[in-house]
Amino acid sequence: MTKAELIEKVQREHSALSKRQLALVVDAVFENLAKGIRKDKRFSMPGFGTFVVKRRAGRVGRDPRTGAEIQIAPTKTVGFKPAPELKKAL
């Protein structure tokens, strides 16, 4: 689902807001979700799931063009663990 599809679906179900207003709401929700993950290293939504910051260790990889070994630096990424209700709905 894309952002535009999400906005259309929400508007069909709750038509009190325009698409522009809903786009602002969606942007605000995801902006604050990202801030929460950065600040607290996790965000939990009961019935949906939990986003957590994960660390990836540095490792040796290969350059796909040349085949030469390269050192890949350690990084942070966001992981997601779905809630049991979401898993059952799949």
Protein backbone atom coordinates (compact mmCIF):
# COMPACT_ATOMS: atom_id res chain seq x y z
CA MET A 1 0.00 0.00 0.00
CA THR A 2 1.30 3.45 -0.86
CA LYS A 3 0.79 6.68 1.05
CA ALA A 4 -1.77 7.84 -1.54
CA GLU A 5 -3.69 4.56 -1.22
CA LEU A 6 -3.69 4.88 2.56
CA ILE A 7 -5.06 8.42 2.35
CA GLU A 8 -7.80 7.38 -0.10
CA LYS A 9 -8.86 4.44 2.06
CA VAL A 10 -9.02 6.55 5.22
CA GLN A 11 -10.97 9.25 3.39
CA ARG A 12 -13.54 6.70 2.16
CA GLU A 13 -14.06 5.44 5.69
CA HIS A 14 -13.90 8.86 7.41
CA SER A 15 -14.90 11.42 4.80
CA ALA A 16 -14.99 14.40 7.20
CA LEU A 17 -11.45 15.39 6.17
CA SER A 18 -10.08 16.30 2.75
CA LYS A 19 -7.22 14.40 1.14
CA ARG A 20 -4.91 17.34 1.85
CA GLN A 21 -5.84 17.35 5.53
CA LEU A 22 -5.41 13.58 5.74
CA ALA A 23 -1.99 13.84 4.07
CA LEU A 24 -0.94 16.29 6.78
CA VAL A 25 -2.19 13.93 9.48
CA VAL A 26 -0.38 10.93 7.95
CA ASP A 27 2.83 12.96 7.63
CA ALA A 28 2.55 14.12 11.25
CA VAL A 29 1.94 10.59 12.52
CA PHE A 30 4.97 9.13 10.75
CA GLU A 31 7.18 12.11 11.64
CA ASN A 32 6.36 11.68 15.32
CA LEU A 33 6.74 7.91 15.07
CA ALA A 34 10.26 8.41 13.70
CA LYS A 35 11.07 10.91 16.46
CA GLY A 36 9.86 8.45 19.08
CA ILE A 37 11.98 5.65 17.67
CA ARG A 38 15.06 7.90 17.58
CA LYS A 39 14.50 9.16 21.14
CA ASP A 40 13.34 6.02 22.96
CA LYS A 41 14.87 3.38 20.62
CA ARG A 42 11.41 1.79 20.29
CA PHE A 43 7.76 2.49 19.53
CA SER A 44 4.96 0.14 20.50
CA MET A 45 1.39 0.19 19.14
CA PRO A 46 -0.82 -2.34 20.95
CA GLY A 47 -2.56 -4.64 18.51
CA PHE A 48 -0.17 -3.67 15.69
CA GLY A 49 3.41 -4.27 16.78
CA THR A 50 6.68 -2.82 18.00
CA PHE A 51 9.40 -0.95 16.12
CA VAL A 52 12.86 -1.22 17.69
CA VAL A 53 16.32 0.08 16.82
CA LYS A 54 18.67 -2.79 16.00
CA ARG A 55 22.44 -2.68 15.61
CA ARG A 56 24.18 -4.51 12.80
CA ALA A 57 27.77 -5.50 13.43
CA GLY A 58 30.50 -4.60 10.99
CA ARG A 59 31.40 -7.33 8.54
CA VAL A 60 33.36 -8.20 5.45
CA GLY A 61 31.43 -8.11 2.17
CA ARG A 62 32.17 -8.24 -1.54
CA ASP A 63 31.97 -5.50 -4.15
CA PRO A 64 29.51 -6.96 -6.70
CA ARG A 65 31.31 -5.29 -9.64
CA THR A 66 34.86 -6.32 -8.86
CA GLY A 67 34.48 -9.17 -6.38
CA ALA A 68 36.99 -7.45 -4.06
CA GLU A 69 36.49 -7.75 -0.32
CA ILE A 70 35.25 -4.59 1.39
CA GLN A 71 34.72 -3.73 5.03
CA ILE A 72 31.08 -2.89 5.83
CA ALA A 73 30.76 -0.54 8.80
CA PRO A 74 28.43 -1.23 11.73
CA THR A 75 25.01 0.41 11.30
CA LYS A 76 21.67 0.90 13.01
CA THR A 77 18.38 -0.12 11.46
CA VAL A 78 14.74 -0.39 12.50
CA GLY A 79 13.19 -3.78 13.11
CA PHE A 80 9.50 -4.59 13.44
CA LYS A 81 7.84 -7.31 15.48
CA PRO A 82 4.14 -7.71 14.74
CA ALA A 83 1.65 -8.09 17.58
CA PRO A 84 -0.09 -11.48 17.89
CA GLU A 85 -3.37 -9.92 16.67
CA LEU A 86 -1.72 -8.70 13.47
CA LYS A 87 -0.04 -12.07 12.89
CA LYS A 88 -3.37 -13.86 13.25
CA ALA A 89 -5.01 -11.45 10.78
CA LEU A 90 -2.45 -12.36 8.11
